[in-house]
Amino acid sequence: MEIVLESSCSSSPRVTDGERMRECWKMTVFQHHKISMLAVMDRERSEWLEGQKYESPTDEQKSKQKKEREREREREREEER
């Protein structure tokens, strides 16, 4: 266990085991925080991208519906004339 922790910490001979463990603990906590933040950001980004995929066809459908409505209005106007 200590070998795994030491790999991510300073291995200076002047540093005592207790100090090294504290330093390693800080590093691992920071690394875990960083990893979890990256995971959250990645999940949010993928959700956003999925949302974009789903929203884009509806936007296209909305624009098509608008065009169809405008055409119907024009037809109605022409019929009234």
Protein backbone atom coordinates (compact mmCIF):
# COMPACT_ATOMS: atom_id res chain seq x y z
CA MET A 1 0.00 0.00 0.00
CA GLU A 2 2.78 2.39 0.91
CA ILE A 3 4.55 1.75 -2.40
CA VAL A 4 1.45 2.75 -4.34
CA LEU A 5 1.14 5.97 -2.33
CA GLU A 6 4.85 6.78 -2.58
CA SER A 7 4.71 6.65 -6.35
CA SER A 8 2.51 9.77 -6.33
CA CYS A 9 4.56 11.59 -3.66
CA SER A 10 7.99 13.05 -3.01
CA SER A 11 10.38 10.32 -1.90
CA SER A 12 12.99 12.60 -0.34
CA PRO A 13 15.07 10.83 2.34
CA ARG A 14 14.67 13.84 4.66
CA VAL A 15 10.88 13.44 4.76
CA THR A 16 9.64 11.21 7.57
CA ASP A 17 7.15 8.41 6.90
CA GLY A 18 4.39 10.33 8.71
CA GLU A 19 4.97 13.46 6.63
CA ARG A 20 5.16 11.39 3.46
CA MET A 21 1.89 9.67 4.32
CA ARG A 22 0.22 13.04 4.97
CA GLU A 23 1.59 14.39 1.70
CA CYS A 24 0.44 11.26 -0.13
CA TRP A 25 -2.99 11.50 1.47
CA LYS A 26 -3.32 15.13 0.31
CA MET A 27 -2.25 14.11 -3.18
CA THR A 28 -4.66 11.20 -3.39
CA VAL A 29 -7.55 13.28 -2.05
CA PHE A 30 -6.77 15.97 -4.61
CA GLN A 31 -6.43 13.39 -7.38
CA HIS A 32 -9.72 11.76 -6.42
CA HIS A 33 -11.41 15.17 -6.34
CA LYS A 34 -9.94 16.04 -9.73
CA ILE A 35 -10.99 12.69 -11.20
CA SER A 36 -14.52 12.99 -9.81
CA MET A 37 -14.80 16.55 -11.13
CA LEU A 38 -13.64 15.38 -14.55
CA ALA A 39 -16.17 12.55 -14.42
CA VAL A 40 -18.95 14.98 -13.55
CA MET A 41 -17.88 17.36 -16.32
CA ASP A 42 -17.69 14.49 -18.80
CA ARG A 43 -21.15 13.25 -17.82
CA GLU A 44 -22.61 16.77 -18.10
CA ARG A 45 -20.96 17.21 -21.50
CA SER A 46 -22.30 13.88 -22.78
CA GLU A 47 -25.78 14.73 -21.47
CA TRP A 48 -25.53 18.13 -23.18
CA LEU A 49 -24.44 16.49 -26.43
CA GLU A 50 -27.31 14.00 -26.22
CA GLY A 51 -29.66 16.90 -25.59
CA GLN A 52 -28.28 18.64 -28.68
CA LYS A 53 -28.89 15.52 -30.75
CA TYR A 54 -32.48 15.33 -29.57
CA GLU A 55 -33.14 19.08 -29.86
CA SER A 56 -31.81 19.56 -33.39
CA PRO A 57 -34.47 17.46 -35.18
CA THR A 58 -37.23 19.16 -33.21
CA ASP A 59 -35.82 22.54 -34.24
CA GLU A 60 -35.86 21.36 -37.86
CA GLN A 61 -39.42 20.11 -37.43
CA LYS A 62 -40.43 23.46 -35.92
CA SER A 63 -38.98 25.36 -38.87
CA LYS A 64 -40.76 22.99 -41.30
CA GLN A 65 -44.03 23.48 -39.41
CA LYS A 66 -43.55 27.26 -39.55
CA LYS A 67 -42.99 27.12 -43.32
CA GLU A 68 -46.06 24.91 -43.77
CA ARG A 69 -48.19 27.32 -41.71
CA GLU A 70 -46.95 30.26 -43.76
CA ARG A 71 -47.84 28.42 -46.98
CA GLU A 72 -51.31 27.61 -45.64
CA ARG A 73 -51.85 31.27 -44.71
CA GLU A 74 -50.76 32.35 -48.19
CA ARG A 75 -53.20 29.85 -49.75
CA GLU A 76 -56.00 31.12 -47.53
CA ARG A 77 -55.20 34.71 -48.51
CA GLU A 78 -55.21 33.77 -52.19
CA GLU A 79 -58.55 31.96 -51.77
CA GLU A 80 -60.07 35.01 -50.08
CA ARG A 81 -59.05 37.13 -53.06
